[in-house]
Amino acid sequence: PRSMTSTRTSNINSNIKPEHFNHTMMKSLLLVVITLWACMPAIAAPCGREAAFSFPWSGKQDKVATAAAATAAMALLVTAAPAAWAVGDVGRGEQLFVGNCASCHIGGNNVVKEQRTLKQDALIKFGIGIDQPSIQAFVTKSQQHKNLVFFRVEGGKLNEQQWQDVTTYIADQASGDKWE
C-alpha cells in the first residue's frame, strides 16, 4: 500500500513543472482557499459539527449568506480555473502566433475557412472549446496544421512546449474576448 501511494503522488507531481507554476496559478490557488473557507460552515453542518469559526452574521441569515458566499466563490473558481491551469506561456505564445500563425489567423480570424475563427463563439460553436488543452488537441490533430512548415521555427515544426505556448495564447485571447 505504501508504494502505491508514492507512485500515485509521483505521477500527479510529474505533471506540474516549476516553470508552469505562475502568477495565474497563485490566483487560482487563492480562489480554492477562499471557496473552501466560504464553504466550511455549510460542509460542517450536515456532519453535525460546528465549523472552527463563524461568520459575523447569525441565524437564518447565516445559512443564506454562507450559501451565497460559497456560490459566488465557486462561480469565480469555475470561470477562472481553465485559464489559470494552462501549461503554456502567453507571452511566448503570442510571439509564436505572430511569427507563424497570424498569416492565416490575423486578429483571430481565418482566411482559409472564414467561419472557423479563433474567436470564442466559433470555438464553442464548432465544438472545440476555449480551454488550452482542447484547442491544442484540435490543432495538433488537424491534418492541415500537421502539414504546415513554420519557417520561423527551428526545424519547421513546433515542439510540444511551443504548441502549449501558442494554444495558451489562443485560449487566453478567446476566453477573454481579446481578439482585435
Protein backbone atom coordinates (compact mmCIF):
# COMPACT_ATOMS: atom_id res chain seq x y z
CA PRO A 1 0.00 0.00 0.00
CA ARG A 2 2.80 2.43 0.79
CA SER A 3 4.44 2.10 -2.63
CA MET A 4 1.07 2.60 -4.37
CA THR A 5 0.63 5.90 -2.56
CA SER A 6 4.09 7.12 -3.52
CA THR A 7 3.53 6.04 -7.14
CA ARG A 8 0.28 7.98 -7.32
CA THR A 9 1.90 11.02 -5.80
CA SER A 10 4.85 10.92 -8.20
CA ASN A 11 2.50 10.58 -11.19
CA ILE A 12 0.49 13.59 -10.07
CA ASN A 13 3.56 15.70 -9.27
CA SER A 14 5.31 14.84 -12.54
CA ASN A 15 2.62 16.76 -14.44
CA ILE A 16 3.34 20.04 -12.66
CA LYS A 17 6.70 21.53 -13.54
CA PRO A 18 8.17 24.56 -11.75
CA GLU A 19 8.10 26.69 -14.90
CA HIS A 20 4.33 26.10 -15.18
CA PHE A 21 3.63 27.48 -11.72
CA ASN A 22 2.94 31.14 -12.36
CA HIS A 23 1.10 34.15 -11.01
CA THR A 24 -2.18 32.99 -12.52
CA MET A 25 -1.90 29.65 -10.71
CA MET A 26 -1.34 31.51 -7.46
CA LYS A 27 -4.61 33.38 -8.05
CA SER A 28 -6.34 30.08 -8.74
CA LEU A 29 -4.98 28.55 -5.54
CA LEU A 30 -6.18 31.59 -3.63
CA LEU A 31 -9.64 31.09 -5.13
CA VAL A 32 -9.63 27.47 -3.94
CA VAL A 33 -8.73 28.58 -0.40
CA ILE A 34 -11.45 31.25 -0.43
CA THR A 35 -14.00 28.75 -1.72
CA LEU A 36 -13.12 26.24 0.98
CA TRP A 37 -13.25 28.96 3.63
CA ALA A 38 -16.67 30.11 2.45
CA CYS A 39 -17.99 26.56 2.37
CA MET A 40 -16.73 25.44 5.79
CA PRO A 41 -19.93 26.16 7.75
CA ALA A 42 -22.03 24.55 5.03
CA ILE A 43 -19.76 21.49 4.95
CA ALA A 44 -19.63 21.10 8.74
CA ALA A 45 -23.40 21.45 9.39
CA PRO A 46 -24.63 18.24 7.70
CA CYS A 47 -22.00 16.29 9.63
CA GLY A 48 -23.43 17.56 12.91
CA ARG A 49 -20.29 19.53 13.65
CA GLU A 50 -19.59 23.14 14.28
CA ALA A 51 -17.19 24.90 11.97
CA ALA A 52 -13.95 26.09 13.55
CA PHE A 53 -15.15 29.67 13.04
CA SER A 54 -18.38 31.52 12.42
CA PHE A 55 -19.32 34.41 10.23
CA PRO A 56 -20.24 37.76 11.82
CA TRP A 57 -23.90 37.30 10.87
CA SER A 58 -26.17 34.86 12.68
CA GLY A 59 -29.40 32.83 12.49
CA LYS A 60 -31.15 32.14 9.19
CA GLN A 61 -29.15 34.90 7.58
CA ASP A 62 -26.02 32.90 8.42
CA LYS A 63 -27.12 30.00 6.22
CA VAL A 64 -28.24 32.25 3.38
CA ALA A 65 -25.08 34.36 3.49
CA THR A 66 -22.89 31.24 3.69
CA ALA A 67 -24.65 29.71 0.69
CA ALA A 68 -24.33 32.99 -1.22
CA ALA A 69 -20.62 33.29 -0.37
CA ALA A 70 -19.99 29.66 -1.36
CA THR A 71 -21.92 30.09 -4.62
CA ALA A 72 -20.03 33.27 -5.52
CA ALA A 73 -16.67 31.69 -4.69
CA MET A 74 -17.48 28.57 -6.73
CA ALA A 75 -18.64 30.65 -9.70
CA LEU A 76 -15.42 32.64 -9.55
CA LEU A 77 -13.36 29.46 -9.31
CA VAL A 78 -15.14 27.76 -12.22
CA THR A 79 -14.76 30.76 -14.53
CA ALA A 80 -11.13 31.47 -13.62
CA ALA A 81 -9.79 27.92 -13.35
CA PRO A 82 -9.46 26.94 -17.05
CA ALA A 83 -7.12 29.81 -17.86
CA ALA A 84 -5.34 29.51 -14.54
CA TRP A 85 -4.16 25.95 -15.08
CA ALA A 86 -2.94 26.40 -18.62
CA VAL A 87 0.53 25.00 -19.05
CA GLY A 88 1.91 27.35 -21.67
CA ASP A 89 3.29 30.86 -21.55
CA VAL A 90 1.03 33.53 -23.05
CA GLY A 91 3.91 35.87 -23.92
CA ARG A 92 5.91 33.23 -25.78
CA GLY A 93 2.67 32.03 -27.36
CA GLU A 94 1.93 35.49 -28.70
CA GLN A 95 5.39 35.67 -30.29
CA LEU A 96 4.92 32.26 -31.90
CA PHE A 97 1.43 33.20 -33.09
CA VAL A 98 2.53 36.49 -34.64
CA GLY A 99 5.51 34.85 -36.33
CA ASN A 100 3.84 31.67 -37.54
CA CYS A 101 0.04 31.67 -37.33
CA ALA A 102 -1.06 35.26 -37.96
CA SER A 103 -0.69 35.00 -41.73
CA CYS A 104 -3.83 32.80 -41.75
CA HIS A 105 -5.33 33.78 -38.39
CA ILE A 106 -4.70 37.52 -38.07
CA GLY A 107 -6.86 39.02 -35.33
CA GLY A 108 -8.26 35.59 -34.53
CA ASN A 109 -9.84 35.30 -37.97
CA ASN A 110 -9.34 32.51 -40.52
CA VAL A 111 -8.51 33.42 -44.11
CA VAL A 112 -8.85 29.79 -45.27
CA LYS A 113 -12.23 28.95 -43.66
CA GLU A 114 -13.94 32.21 -42.76
CA GLN A 115 -16.46 30.76 -40.28
CA ARG A 116 -13.84 28.80 -38.32
CA THR A 117 -12.22 31.69 -36.47
CA LEU A 118 -10.29 31.51 -33.22
CA LYS A 119 -12.88 33.66 -31.51
CA GLN A 120 -14.85 32.39 -28.54
CA ASP A 121 -18.20 31.96 -30.28
CA ALA A 122 -16.74 29.99 -33.20
CA LEU A 123 -14.59 27.76 -31.00
CA ILE A 124 -17.67 26.89 -28.95
CA LYS A 125 -19.96 26.59 -32.00
CA PHE A 126 -17.66 24.09 -33.71
CA GLY A 127 -17.19 22.04 -30.52
CA ILE A 128 -13.54 22.83 -29.93
CA GLY A 129 -13.86 24.70 -26.64
CA ILE A 130 -11.93 27.68 -25.34
CA ASP A 131 -9.59 25.94 -22.92
CA GLN A 132 -5.95 25.37 -23.82
CA PRO A 133 -5.96 21.54 -23.78
CA SER A 134 -8.98 21.38 -26.13
CA ILE A 135 -7.51 23.90 -28.54
CA GLN A 136 -4.15 22.13 -28.56
CA ALA A 137 -5.79 18.73 -29.12
CA PHE A 138 -7.75 20.10 -32.09
CA VAL A 139 -4.85 21.95 -33.73
CA THR A 140 -2.28 19.17 -33.31
CA LYS A 141 -4.70 16.59 -34.77
CA SER A 142 -5.65 18.82 -37.69
CA GLN A 143 -4.05 17.46 -40.86
CA GLN A 144 -3.91 20.97 -42.27
CA HIS A 145 -1.78 22.14 -39.33
CA LYS A 146 0.35 18.96 -39.33
CA ASN A 147 1.39 19.64 -42.92
CA LEU A 148 2.43 23.23 -42.27
CA VAL A 149 6.06 24.23 -42.23
CA PHE A 150 6.72 27.02 -39.75
CA PHE A 151 9.63 28.87 -41.33
CA ARG A 152 10.41 30.91 -38.23
CA VAL A 153 10.80 27.84 -36.01
CA GLU A 154 13.91 25.67 -35.95
CA GLY A 155 13.24 22.51 -37.95
CA GLY A 156 9.99 23.95 -39.33
CA LYS A 157 7.77 22.22 -36.77
CA LEU A 158 6.52 23.34 -33.37
CA ASN A 159 7.66 21.24 -30.42
CA GLU A 160 5.35 20.29 -27.53
CA GLN A 161 6.20 23.35 -25.42
CA GLN A 162 5.70 25.69 -28.38
CA TRP A 163 2.28 24.14 -29.07
CA GLN A 164 1.39 24.62 -25.41
CA ASP A 165 2.53 28.24 -25.53
CA VAL A 166 0.71 29.19 -28.73
CA THR A 167 -2.51 27.40 -27.75
CA THR A 168 -2.36 29.02 -24.30
CA TYR A 169 -2.18 32.37 -26.07
CA ILE A 170 -5.14 31.45 -28.30
CA ALA A 171 -7.17 30.27 -25.27
CA ASP A 172 -6.32 33.48 -23.42
CA GLN A 173 -7.40 35.61 -26.37
CA ALA A 174 -10.61 33.64 -26.99
CA SER A 175 -11.72 33.25 -23.37
CA GLY A 176 -11.11 36.94 -22.69
CA ASP A 177 -12.65 38.05 -26.00
CA LYS A 178 -9.40 39.91 -26.70
CA TRP A 179 -9.02 39.38 -30.46
CA GLU A 180 -8.84 42.65 -32.39
